[in-house]
Amino acid sequence: MAEQRQGNYLVRESYYQFMTHMQDDIKYTGYNWRDKLFDKTLSSYLLADPKRSQIMGQIKKLMVYIIDNVSTIKKAMNYTVDKNYKYLN
């Protein structure tokens, strides 16, 4: 199996990306829903039981993963948005 390469050049933002978005002033990028996904949608009775809260924590991670991947699909279908754009709701 090939070794994974490491280095700063693999993680830094490209110069082109930096230059095109240097003057961006995006203020309202959305609500931080990742932390409060189930707190606002489920009954507090379900989250009160310790066994259920552990299972709900796992389900919450799965739901966050699915919703984040929907934004990847949105970027793929919208040809006017750059593939590295972070602020798509």
Protein backbone atom coordinates (compact mmCIF):
# COMPACT_ATOMS: atom_id res chain seq x y z
CA MET A 1 0.00 0.00 0.00
CA ALA A 2 1.32 3.44 -0.86
CA GLU A 3 2.26 5.81 1.92
CA GLN A 4 0.23 8.95 2.35
CA ARG A 5 2.21 12.03 1.45
CA GLN A 6 2.43 14.82 3.97
CA GLY A 7 3.45 18.41 3.68
CA ASN A 8 2.24 22.01 3.82
CA TYR A 9 1.59 22.13 0.10
CA LEU A 10 -1.21 19.60 0.50
CA VAL A 11 -3.19 21.57 3.08
CA ARG A 12 -2.71 25.21 2.22
CA GLU A 13 -5.25 27.20 0.24
CA SER A 14 -4.24 27.92 -3.33
CA TYR A 15 -2.98 31.38 -4.17
CA TYR A 16 -5.67 31.79 -6.81
CA GLN A 17 -8.39 30.91 -4.30
CA PHE A 18 -6.92 33.38 -1.82
CA MET A 19 -6.70 36.21 -4.36
CA THR A 20 -10.23 35.77 -5.72
CA HIS A 21 -11.83 35.70 -2.27
CA MET A 22 -9.56 38.14 -0.44
CA GLN A 23 -12.14 40.97 -0.45
CA ASP A 24 -15.13 38.80 0.45
CA ASP A 25 -17.10 40.05 3.43
CA ILE A 26 -19.72 37.38 4.04
CA LYS A 27 -21.58 38.10 7.26
CA TYR A 28 -24.62 35.87 7.52
CA THR A 29 -23.45 32.37 6.65
CA GLY A 30 -26.23 30.57 8.45
CA TYR A 31 -27.15 29.15 11.80
CA ASN A 32 -24.81 26.73 13.61
CA TRP A 33 -27.20 23.80 13.31
CA ARG A 34 -24.62 21.04 13.81
CA ASP A 35 -24.61 21.37 17.60
CA LYS A 36 -28.36 21.78 18.02
CA LEU A 37 -29.76 19.52 15.33
CA PHE A 38 -31.76 17.26 17.63
CA ASP A 39 -32.25 19.71 20.50
CA LYS A 40 -34.66 21.76 18.40
CA THR A 41 -36.38 18.91 16.55
CA LEU A 42 -36.79 16.07 19.08
CA SER A 43 -38.64 15.84 22.35
CA SER A 44 -36.57 16.35 25.49
CA TYR A 45 -38.06 13.09 26.77
CA LEU A 46 -36.07 11.14 24.18
CA LEU A 47 -32.83 12.85 25.14
CA ALA A 48 -33.35 12.44 28.92
CA ASP A 49 -32.61 8.71 28.97
CA PRO A 50 -28.82 8.03 29.01
CA LYS A 51 -29.10 4.97 26.75
CA ARG A 52 -31.15 6.84 24.20
CA SER A 53 -28.91 9.90 24.34
CA GLN A 54 -25.90 7.80 23.30
CA ILE A 55 -27.82 6.34 20.37
CA MET A 56 -29.15 9.78 19.44
CA GLY A 57 -25.60 11.13 19.49
CA GLN A 58 -24.58 8.53 16.92
CA ILE A 59 -27.63 9.26 14.79
CA LYS A 60 -26.88 13.00 15.02
CA LYS A 61 -23.37 12.40 13.64
CA LEU A 62 -24.88 10.44 10.77
CA MET A 63 -27.43 13.16 10.01
CA VAL A 64 -24.76 15.89 10.05
CA TYR A 65 -22.67 13.81 7.63
CA ILE A 66 -25.63 13.35 5.28
CA ILE A 67 -26.61 17.03 5.33
CA ASP A 68 -23.02 18.13 4.72
CA ASN A 69 -22.80 15.85 1.71
CA VAL A 70 -25.97 17.40 0.29
CA SER A 71 -24.09 20.71 0.08
CA THR A 72 -21.38 18.88 -1.90
CA ILE A 73 -24.05 17.74 -4.34
CA LYS A 74 -25.37 21.31 -4.54
CA LYS A 75 -21.91 22.56 -5.47
CA ALA A 76 -21.50 19.83 -8.09
CA MET A 77 -24.80 20.69 -9.77
CA ASN A 78 -24.33 24.47 -9.61
CA TYR A 79 -21.70 25.33 -12.22
CA THR A 80 -21.43 28.97 -11.10
CA VAL A 81 -19.95 28.04 -7.69
CA ASP A 82 -16.32 27.08 -7.22
CA LYS A 83 -15.76 23.52 -5.97
CA ASN A 84 -13.91 24.81 -2.89
CA TYR A 85 -16.59 27.33 -1.90
CA LYS A 86 -17.32 27.04 1.85
CA TYR A 87 -20.32 29.28 2.38
CA LEU A 88 -23.07 27.48 0.50
CA ASN A 89 -26.15 26.96 2.69
